[in-house]
Amino acid sequence: MFGKSDLVDSISRDLARARDKRDTLASGVTTLTTQIAELEARLAAENDRRERERAAGEIERIKKQVRDQYLAFAPVITGIRDATEVAAAIVPEASEFNDLLLVIATEVANAIDGLLGNLDRHIEAMRAGHIAPDLPPQFKGPTEPPQNGDRVLRIPEWLPRKKPAKKESVEERCSTAAA
């Protein structure tokens, strides 16, 4: 009987040690789970901050592109105005076009100022975390400004146009070319 009691005591001690180890491991698992959750939250916050910063940088790039294109536009309008002033001596209607150019330049300048201001406010709100970085897909990643051959330039509908001249038929052009 003495041996059976020692065996029961030994098994009871082994069981108590196993339970202590289990409790220690469970506590460690709980601690690690908490640490993992904290690290995941920090990682998510950092990823969100980086995405907001990347999107803000992309908006900055778009803003610079708009500003650069406007700065290229202004001298062109000035050049056209200078040329139409000279042409106004020959064709009086050119002064009307010159006035129209001034109105267009003013409207474009006002619109660009408003657009740049809105972009600045959007960037500030994004960096402050007030809005999510939700840029459309066409603005994600580096893009090149369009080259001259990449876009079709159209005359706005409100600009006056010359009436098209009588079109020559294919036969008339061929006979003219043959002659």
C-alpha atoms as a PDB file:
ATOM      1  CA  MET A   1       0.000   0.000   0.000  1.00  0.00           C
ATOM      2  CA  PHE A   2       2.877   2.210   0.700  1.00  0.00           C
ATOM      3  CA  GLY A   3       3.964   2.072  -2.930  1.00  0.00           C
ATOM      4  CA  LYS A   4       0.516   2.924  -4.218  1.00  0.00           C
ATOM      5  CA  SER A   5       0.373   6.061  -2.078  1.00  0.00           C
ATOM      6  CA  ASP A   6       3.769   7.220  -3.365  1.00  0.00           C
ATOM      7  CA  LEU A   7       2.610   6.626  -6.911  1.00  0.00           C
ATOM      8  CA  VAL A   8      -0.570   8.673  -6.358  1.00  0.00           C
ATOM      9  CA  ASP A   9       1.457  11.488  -4.744  1.00  0.00           C
ATOM     10  CA  SER A  10       3.973  11.414  -7.591  1.00  0.00           C
ATOM     11  CA  ILE A  11       1.219  11.507 -10.212  1.00  0.00           C
ATOM     12  CA  SER A  12      -0.533  14.315  -8.302  1.00  0.00           C
ATOM     13  CA  ARG A  13       2.696  16.349  -8.244  1.00  0.00           C
ATOM     14  CA  ASP A  14       3.269  15.665 -11.953  1.00  0.00           C
ATOM     15  CA  LEU A  15      -0.315  16.706 -12.653  1.00  0.00           C
ATOM     16  CA  ALA A  16       0.116  19.915 -10.627  1.00  0.00           C
ATOM     17  CA  ARG A  17       3.361  20.737 -12.465  1.00  0.00           C
ATOM     18  CA  ALA A  18       1.683  20.050 -15.822  1.00  0.00           C
ATOM     19  CA  ARG A  19      -1.200  22.334 -14.871  1.00  0.00           C
ATOM     20  CA  ASP A  20       1.259  25.050 -13.770  1.00  0.00           C
ATOM     21  CA  LYS A  21       3.100  24.734 -17.100  1.00  0.00           C
ATOM     22  CA  ARG A  22      -0.211  24.880 -18.963  1.00  0.00           C
ATOM     23  CA  ASP A  23      -1.267  27.990 -17.032  1.00  0.00           C
ATOM     24  CA  THR A  24       2.133  29.616 -17.663  1.00  0.00           C
ATOM     25  CA  LEU A  25       1.925  28.763 -21.365  1.00  0.00           C
ATOM     26  CA  ALA A  26      -1.679  30.001 -21.535  1.00  0.00           C
ATOM     27  CA  SER A  27      -0.608  33.250 -19.913  1.00  0.00           C
ATOM     28  CA  GLY A  28       2.263  33.510 -22.426  1.00  0.00           C
ATOM     29  CA  VAL A  29      -0.136  32.832 -25.304  1.00  0.00           C
ATOM     30  CA  THR A  30      -2.474  35.541 -24.007  1.00  0.00           C
ATOM     31  CA  THR A  31       0.442  37.981 -23.681  1.00  0.00           C
ATOM     32  CA  LEU A  32       1.715  37.122 -27.182  1.00  0.00           C
ATOM     33  CA  THR A  33      -1.793  37.429 -28.632  1.00  0.00           C
ATOM     34  CA  THR A  34      -2.102  40.898 -27.091  1.00  0.00           C
ATOM     35  CA  GLN A  35       1.329  41.896 -28.411  1.00  0.00           C
ATOM     36  CA  ILE A  36       0.475  40.572 -31.875  1.00  0.00           C
ATOM     37  CA  ALA A  37      -2.773  42.562 -31.899  1.00  0.00           C
ATOM     38  CA  GLU A  38      -0.896  45.722 -30.872  1.00  0.00           C
ATOM     39  CA  LEU A  39       1.750  45.179 -33.562  1.00  0.00           C
ATOM     40  CA  GLU A  40      -0.927  44.516 -36.191  1.00  0.00           C
ATOM     41  CA  ALA A  41      -2.735  47.728 -35.191  1.00  0.00           C
ATOM     42  CA  ARG A  42       0.519  49.718 -35.410  1.00  0.00           C
ATOM     43  CA  LEU A  43       1.314  48.125 -38.777  1.00  0.00           C
ATOM     44  CA  ALA A  44      -2.164  48.937 -40.112  1.00  0.00           C
ATOM     45  CA  ALA A  45      -1.862  52.530 -38.858  1.00  0.00           C
ATOM     46  CA  GLU A  46       1.573  52.903 -40.474  1.00  0.00           C
ATOM     47  CA  ASN A  47       0.348  51.394 -43.742  1.00  0.00           C
ATOM     48  CA  ASP A  48      -2.633  53.770 -43.686  1.00  0.00           C
ATOM     49  CA  ARG A  49      -0.349  56.742 -42.982  1.00  0.00           C
ATOM     50  CA  ARG A  50       1.967  55.729 -45.836  1.00  0.00           C
ATOM     51  CA  GLU A  51      -0.955  55.274 -48.213  1.00  0.00           C
ATOM     52  CA  ARG A  52      -2.328  58.709 -47.259  1.00  0.00           C
ATOM     53  CA  GLU A  53       1.128  60.221 -47.744  1.00  0.00           C
ATOM     54  CA  ARG A  54       1.522  58.466 -51.119  1.00  0.00           C
ATOM     55  CA  ALA A  55      -1.901  59.685 -52.241  1.00  0.00           C
ATOM     56  CA  ALA A  56      -1.101  63.199 -51.001  1.00  0.00           C
ATOM     57  CA  GLY A  57       2.153  63.058 -52.966  1.00  0.00           C
ATOM     58  CA  GLU A  58       0.220  61.958 -56.044  1.00  0.00           C
ATOM     59  CA  ILE A  59      -2.165  64.894 -55.627  1.00  0.00           C
ATOM     60  CA  GLU A  60       0.881  67.169 -55.240  1.00  0.00           C
ATOM     61  CA  ARG A  61       2.180  65.763 -58.551  1.00  0.00           C
ATOM     62  CA  ILE A  62      -1.184  66.403 -60.216  1.00  0.00           C
ATOM     63  CA  LYS A  63      -1.248  69.912 -58.755  1.00  0.00           C
ATOM     64  CA  LYS A  64       2.256  70.592 -60.119  1.00  0.00           C
ATOM     65  CA  GLN A  65       1.239  69.267 -63.527  1.00  0.00           C
ATOM     66  CA  VAL A  66      -1.826  71.552 -63.579  1.00  0.00           C
ATOM     67  CA  ARG A  67       0.270  74.536 -62.479  1.00  0.00           C
ATOM     68  CA  ASP A  68       2.999  73.778 -65.058  1.00  0.00           C
ATOM     69  CA  GLN A  69       0.462  73.439 -67.867  1.00  0.00           C
ATOM     70  CA  TYR A  70      -1.178  76.709 -66.815  1.00  0.00           C
ATOM     71  CA  LEU A  71       2.199  78.459 -66.722  1.00  0.00           C
ATOM     72  CA  ALA A  72       2.785  77.173 -70.254  1.00  0.00           C
ATOM     73  CA  PHE A  73      -0.713  78.348 -71.280  1.00  0.00           C
ATOM     74  CA  ALA A  74      -0.350  81.948 -70.098  1.00  0.00           C
ATOM     75  CA  PRO A  75       2.521  82.921 -72.459  1.00  0.00           C
ATOM     76  CA  VAL A  76       0.700  81.304 -75.377  1.00  0.00           C
ATOM     77  CA  ILE A  77      -2.384  83.450 -74.727  1.00  0.00           C
ATOM     78  CA  THR A  78      -0.148  86.522 -74.421  1.00  0.00           C
ATOM     79  CA  GLY A  79       1.534  85.654 -77.726  1.00  0.00           C
ATOM     80  CA  ILE A  80      -1.809  85.180 -79.447  1.00  0.00           C
ATOM     81  CA  ARG A  81      -3.061  88.487 -78.037  1.00  0.00           C
ATOM     82  CA  ASP A  82       0.069  90.275 -79.288  1.00  0.00           C
ATOM     83  CA  ALA A  83      -0.386  88.719 -82.726  1.00  0.00           C
ATOM     84  CA  THR A  84      -4.080  89.617 -82.887  1.00  0.00           C
ATOM     85  CA  GLU A  85      -3.308  93.225 -81.936  1.00  0.00           C
ATOM     86  CA  VAL A  86      -1.130  93.417 -85.024  1.00  0.00           C
ATOM     87  CA  ALA A  87      -3.812  91.669 -87.064  1.00  0.00           C
ATOM     88  CA  ALA A  88      -6.452  94.116 -85.785  1.00  0.00           C
ATOM     89  CA  ALA A  89      -4.882  96.832 -87.930  1.00  0.00           C
ATOM     90  CA  ILE A  90      -5.794  94.748 -90.967  1.00  0.00           C
ATOM     91  CA  VAL A  91      -8.885  92.897 -89.777  1.00  0.00           C
ATOM     92  CA  PRO A  92     -10.934  94.852 -87.210  1.00  0.00           C
ATOM     93  CA  GLU A  93     -12.679  91.676 -85.990  1.00  0.00           C
ATOM     94  CA  ALA A  94      -9.348  90.570 -84.528  1.00  0.00           C
ATOM     95  CA  SER A  95      -9.774  93.033 -81.653  1.00  0.00           C
ATOM     96  CA  GLU A  96     -12.973  91.188 -80.657  1.00  0.00           C
ATOM     97  CA  PHE A  97     -10.996  87.966 -80.608  1.00  0.00           C
ATOM     98  CA  ASN A  98      -8.328  89.735 -78.546  1.00  0.00           C
ATOM     99  CA  ASP A  99     -10.964  90.738 -75.976  1.00  0.00           C
ATOM    100  CA  LEU A 100     -12.274  87.186 -75.967  1.00  0.00           C
ATOM    101  CA  LEU A 101      -8.762  85.897 -75.248  1.00  0.00           C
ATOM    102  CA  LEU A 102      -8.509  88.208 -72.243  1.00  0.00           C
ATOM    103  CA  VAL A 103     -11.813  86.866 -70.880  1.00  0.00           C
ATOM    104  CA  ILE A 104     -10.679  83.281 -71.472  1.00  0.00           C
ATOM    105  CA  ALA A 105      -7.336  83.890 -69.759  1.00  0.00           C
ATOM    106  CA  THR A 106      -9.066  85.456 -66.746  1.00  0.00           C
ATOM    107  CA  GLU A 107     -11.583  82.607 -66.442  1.00  0.00           C
ATOM    108  CA  VAL A 108      -8.834  79.994 -66.751  1.00  0.00           C
ATOM    109  CA  ALA A 109      -6.715  81.778 -64.103  1.00  0.00           C
ATOM    110  CA  ASN A 110      -9.686  81.916 -61.708  1.00  0.00           C
ATOM    111  CA  ALA A 111     -10.554  78.269 -62.314  1.00  0.00           C
ATOM    112  CA  ILE A 112      -6.935  77.157 -61.850  1.00  0.00           C
ATOM    113  CA  ASP A 113      -6.648  79.121 -58.585  1.00  0.00           C
ATOM    114  CA  GLY A 114      -9.822  77.473 -57.296  1.00  0.00           C
ATOM    115  CA  LEU A 115      -8.675  74.025 -58.387  1.00  0.00           C
ATOM    116  CA  LEU A 116      -5.237  74.407 -56.776  1.00  0.00           C
ATOM    117  CA  GLY A 117      -6.869  75.638 -53.557  1.00  0.00           C
ATOM    118  CA  ASN A 118      -9.218  72.643 -53.509  1.00  0.00           C
ATOM    119  CA  LEU A 119      -6.309  70.278 -54.109  1.00  0.00           C
ATOM    120  CA  ASP A 120      -4.388  71.900 -51.228  1.00  0.00           C
ATOM    121  CA  ARG A 121      -7.366  71.458 -48.888  1.00  0.00           C
ATOM    122  CA  HIS A 122      -7.727  67.836 -49.994  1.00  0.00           C
ATOM    123  CA  ILE A 123      -4.030  67.188 -49.337  1.00  0.00           C
ATOM    124  CA  GLU A 124      -4.218  68.754 -45.857  1.00  0.00           C
ATOM    125  CA  ALA A 125      -7.320  66.758 -44.935  1.00  0.00           C
ATOM    126  CA  MET A 126      -5.734  63.557 -46.209  1.00  0.00           C
ATOM    127  CA  ARG A 127      -2.495  64.100 -44.284  1.00  0.00           C
ATOM    128  CA  ALA A 128      -4.492  64.896 -41.137  1.00  0.00           C
ATOM    129  CA  GLY A 129      -6.331  61.591 -41.558  1.00  0.00           C
ATOM    130  CA  HIS A 130      -9.754  63.186 -42.070  1.00  0.00           C
ATOM    131  CA  ILE A 131     -10.299  61.546 -45.446  1.00  0.00           C
ATOM    132  CA  ALA A 132      -9.222  58.227 -46.932  1.00  0.00           C
ATOM    133  CA  PRO A 133      -6.761  58.076 -49.808  1.00  0.00           C
ATOM    134  CA  ASP A 134      -9.317  57.204 -52.482  1.00  0.00           C
ATOM    135  CA  LEU A 135      -7.693  58.278 -55.718  1.00  0.00           C
ATOM    136  CA  PRO A 136      -9.196  56.895 -58.910  1.00  0.00           C
ATOM    137  CA  PRO A 137      -7.110  54.125 -60.511  1.00  0.00           C
ATOM    138  CA  GLN A 138      -5.910  56.348 -63.367  1.00  0.00           C
ATOM    139  CA  PHE A 139      -4.094  58.531 -60.804  1.00  0.00           C
ATOM    140  CA  LYS A 140      -2.363  55.706 -58.986  1.00  0.00           C
ATOM    141  CA  GLY A 141       1.250  55.229 -59.890  1.00  0.00           C
ATOM    142  CA  PRO A 142       3.520  57.387 -61.998  1.00  0.00           C
ATOM    143  CA  THR A 143       2.049  58.791 -65.167  1.00  0.00           C
ATOM    144  CA  GLU A 144       3.567  60.811 -67.948  1.00  0.00           C
ATOM    145  CA  PRO A 145       1.942  64.024 -69.137  1.00  0.00           C
ATOM    146  CA  PRO A 146       0.369  63.569 -72.565  1.00  0.00           C
ATOM    147  CA  GLN A 147       2.614  64.302 -75.514  1.00  0.00           C
ATOM    148  CA  ASN A 148       1.439  66.494 -78.386  1.00  0.00           C
ATOM    149  CA  GLY A 149       0.491  63.491 -80.514  1.00  0.00           C
ATOM    150  CA  ASP A 150      -1.384  61.759 -77.676  1.00  0.00           C
ATOM    151  CA  ARG A 151      -4.430  64.002 -77.650  1.00  0.00           C
ATOM    152  CA  VAL A 152      -6.748  65.492 -80.187  1.00  0.00           C
ATOM    153  CA  LEU A 153      -7.081  69.243 -79.960  1.00  0.00           C
ATOM    154  CA  ARG A 154     -10.581  70.449 -80.692  1.00  0.00           C
ATOM    155  CA  ILE A 155     -11.831  73.958 -81.160  1.00  0.00           C
ATOM    156  CA  PRO A 156     -14.390  74.783 -78.462  1.00  0.00           C
ATOM    157  CA  GLU A 157     -17.990  74.965 -79.651  1.00  0.00           C
ATOM    158  CA  TRP A 158     -18.379  78.609 -78.595  1.00  0.00           C
ATOM    159  CA  LEU A 159     -15.551  79.853 -80.843  1.00  0.00           C
ATOM    160  CA  PRO A 160     -16.719  81.179 -84.215  1.00  0.00           C
ATOM    161  CA  ARG A 161     -15.777  79.044 -87.189  1.00  0.00           C
ATOM    162  CA  LYS A 162     -15.326  79.759 -90.840  1.00  0.00           C
ATOM    163  CA  LYS A 163     -18.010  78.369 -93.086  1.00  0.00           C
ATOM    164  CA  PRO A 164     -16.563  75.367 -94.923  1.00  0.00           C
ATOM    165  CA  ALA A 165     -15.733  76.007 -98.538  1.00  0.00           C
ATOM    166  CA  LYS A 166     -17.405  73.977-101.270  1.00  0.00           C
ATOM    167  CA  LYS A 167     -15.860  70.527-101.179  1.00  0.00           C
ATOM    168  CA  GLU A 168     -14.297  69.260-104.320  1.00  0.00           C
ATOM    169  CA  SER A 169     -15.360  65.867-105.465  1.00  0.00           C
ATOM    170  CA  VAL A 170     -12.801  63.106-105.821  1.00  0.00           C
ATOM    171  CA  GLU A 171     -13.124  63.306-109.620  1.00  0.00           C
ATOM    172  CA  GLU A 172     -12.388  67.066-109.637  1.00  0.00           C
ATOM    173  CA  ARG A 173      -9.286  66.574-107.475  1.00  0.00           C
ATOM    174  CA  CYS A 174      -8.084  63.744-109.678  1.00  0.00           C
ATOM    175  CA  SER A 175      -8.582  65.781-112.855  1.00  0.00           C
ATOM    176  CA  THR A 176      -6.782  68.756-111.277  1.00  0.00           C
ATOM    177  CA  ALA A 177      -3.905  66.520-110.231  1.00  0.00           C
ATOM    178  CA  ALA A 178      -3.725  64.966-113.696  1.00  0.00           C
ATOM    179  CA  ALA A 179      -3.635  68.338-115.421  1.00  0.00           C
END
